[in-house]
Amino acid sequence: MLKSLFSNKKKTLKKIRKHNTANREALHRIASGYNTLGSGNVEEAVKLPVGSDGKKVDLNEWLSVNIIDFFNEMSLMLGSLLSDDICTQQTCPVMRAGPKYTYMWADGVRYKSPVCLSATEYMDNLMTWVES
């Protein structure tokens, strides 16, 4: 899916949907004030933030904003890796997390039991699955 978006001139990237809520911008302002990811303090990084009114923000809205942002960032990063041929089926023949861990793909439809895929195939399947 991602490879086809960047290699086929007739297809374009899907437009990012804008959610028209006032809370989204407020949540982004709150999130930008926190530099917890990468600080080494996991407990602080996952803590639900407090809004400007002194109350904790709504959990579902907080999750929604962060999941959408995470997906969009991942799409951009993967698009860059695939379009620049940094990661191909030849250079990344297996989806790994370091030398000790290999990701296996099973979606219960096309792949009934876990199979080893190249990193590009794995990420393509993952992003397609998330979007559906």
Protein backbone atom coordinates (compact mmCIF):
# COMPACT_ATOMS: atom_id res chain seq x y z
CA MET A 1 0.00 0.00 0.00
CA LEU A 2 2.58 2.62 1.04
CA LYS A 3 4.99 1.60 -1.71
CA SER A 4 2.22 1.96 -4.29
CA LEU A 5 1.34 5.43 -3.00
CA PHE A 6 4.86 6.67 -3.61
CA SER A 7 5.79 4.73 -6.75
CA ASN A 8 2.65 5.09 -8.85
CA LYS A 9 2.23 8.59 -10.31
CA LYS A 10 -1.54 8.12 -10.79
CA LYS A 11 -2.20 7.62 -7.09
CA THR A 12 -1.89 10.29 -4.45
CA LEU A 13 -1.67 10.30 -0.71
CA LYS A 14 -4.94 10.24 1.13
CA LYS A 15 -5.85 13.61 2.58
CA ILE A 16 -5.56 13.75 6.35
CA ARG A 17 -8.97 14.19 7.90
CA LYS A 18 -9.36 17.23 10.10
CA HIS A 19 -11.44 16.67 13.18
CA ASN A 20 -13.32 19.83 13.93
CA THR A 21 -13.16 19.96 17.71
CA ALA A 22 -11.95 22.72 19.95
CA ASN A 23 -10.51 20.14 22.32
CA ARG A 24 -8.08 18.82 19.71
CA GLU A 25 -6.11 22.06 19.63
CA ALA A 26 -6.22 22.35 23.40
CA LEU A 27 -4.93 18.80 23.77
CA HIS A 28 -2.11 19.52 21.33
CA ARG A 29 -1.12 22.58 23.37
CA ILE A 30 -1.08 20.45 26.51
CA ALA A 31 0.90 17.69 24.80
CA SER A 32 3.49 20.11 23.42
CA GLY A 33 4.20 21.28 26.96
CA TYR A 34 5.21 17.79 28.04
CA ASN A 35 8.66 16.52 27.19
CA THR A 36 8.21 13.16 28.86
CA LEU A 37 8.82 10.74 26.01
CA GLY A 38 12.49 9.94 26.00
CA SER A 39 12.92 11.33 29.50
CA GLY A 40 13.25 7.82 30.91
CA ASN A 41 10.22 8.29 33.14
CA VAL A 42 7.62 5.94 31.63
CA GLU A 43 5.10 6.59 34.40
CA GLU A 44 5.18 10.32 33.66
CA ALA A 45 5.02 9.74 29.90
CA VAL A 46 1.72 7.86 30.08
CA LYS A 47 0.04 9.99 32.74
CA LEU A 48 -3.20 11.67 31.67
CA PRO A 49 -2.46 15.42 31.61
CA VAL A 50 -4.31 18.17 33.41
CA GLY A 51 -6.12 20.76 31.28
CA SER A 52 -6.07 24.54 31.72
CA ASP A 53 -9.14 24.28 33.97
CA GLY A 54 -7.20 22.14 36.46
CA LYS A 55 -9.13 18.95 35.64
CA LYS A 56 -7.73 15.92 33.88
CA VAL A 57 -8.53 15.90 30.17
CA ASP A 58 -11.01 13.36 28.81
CA LEU A 59 -9.22 10.04 28.37
CA ASN A 60 -10.95 9.14 25.09
CA GLU A 61 -10.13 12.51 23.50
CA TRP A 62 -6.52 12.29 24.68
CA LEU A 63 -6.15 8.81 23.22
CA SER A 64 -7.83 9.83 19.97
CA VAL A 65 -5.56 12.82 19.40
CA ASN A 66 -2.41 10.87 20.18
CA ILE A 67 -3.33 7.80 18.13
CA ILE A 68 -4.15 9.91 15.07
CA ASP A 69 -0.91 11.86 15.44
CA PHE A 70 1.11 8.67 15.92
CA PHE A 71 -0.44 7.10 12.80
CA ASN A 72 0.23 10.22 10.72
CA GLU A 73 3.86 10.41 11.91
CA MET A 74 4.38 6.71 11.18
CA SER A 75 2.89 7.13 7.69
CA LEU A 76 5.29 9.98 6.91
CA MET A 77 8.30 8.10 8.24
CA LEU A 78 7.43 4.89 6.40
CA GLY A 79 6.72 6.78 3.21
CA SER A 80 10.16 8.33 3.40
CA LEU A 81 11.85 4.98 4.03
CA LEU A 82 10.04 3.34 1.14
CA SER A 83 10.25 6.15 -1.39
CA ASP A 84 14.00 6.61 -0.85
CA ASP A 85 14.61 2.85 -1.13
CA ILE A 86 16.28 2.85 2.28
CA CYS A 87 14.32 -0.25 3.21
CA THR A 88 13.55 -2.71 0.43
CA GLN A 89 12.79 -6.42 0.33
CA GLN A 90 16.49 -6.98 -0.33
CA THR A 91 17.90 -4.67 2.37
CA CYS A 92 15.23 -5.52 5.00
CA PRO A 93 14.26 -9.14 4.28
CA VAL A 94 12.78 -9.68 7.77
CA MET A 95 10.85 -7.40 10.14
CA ARG A 96 13.04 -7.31 13.26
CA ALA A 97 13.45 -5.46 16.52
CA GLY A 98 17.16 -5.93 16.98
CA PRO A 99 18.98 -9.23 16.57
CA LYS A 100 16.85 -11.15 19.09
CA TYR A 101 13.27 -10.42 17.98
CA THR A 102 11.44 -11.08 14.71
CA TYR A 103 7.93 -9.82 14.01
CA MET A 104 5.56 -12.36 12.47
CA TRP A 105 2.37 -11.36 10.61
CA ALA A 106 -1.04 -13.01 10.99
CA ASP A 107 -4.29 -11.20 10.19
CA GLY A 108 -6.67 -14.16 10.40
CA VAL A 109 -7.82 -13.56 6.80
CA ARG A 110 -5.02 -13.80 4.27
CA TYR A 111 -2.46 -15.08 6.76
CA LYS A 112 -4.17 -17.51 9.12
CA SER A 113 -1.04 -18.41 11.06
CA PRO A 114 2.04 -16.21 11.74
CA VAL A 115 4.46 -15.86 8.82
CA CYS A 116 7.78 -14.11 8.42
CA LEU A 117 7.58 -11.18 5.98
CA SER A 118 10.05 -8.59 4.77
CA ALA A 119 9.94 -5.33 6.70
CA THR A 120 8.29 -3.56 3.75
CA GLU A 121 5.58 -6.21 3.41
CA TYR A 122 5.02 -6.28 7.16
CA MET A 123 4.63 -2.48 7.43
CA ASP A 124 2.42 -2.37 4.33
CA ASN A 125 0.14 -5.01 5.85
CA LEU A 126 0.15 -3.28 9.22
CA MET A 127 -0.74 0.18 7.89
CA THR A 128 -3.44 -1.28 5.61
CA TRP A 129 -4.88 -3.22 8.56
CA VAL A 130 -4.88 -0.12 10.80
CA GLU A 131 -6.66 1.96 8.14
CA SER A 132 -9.38 -0.64 7.58
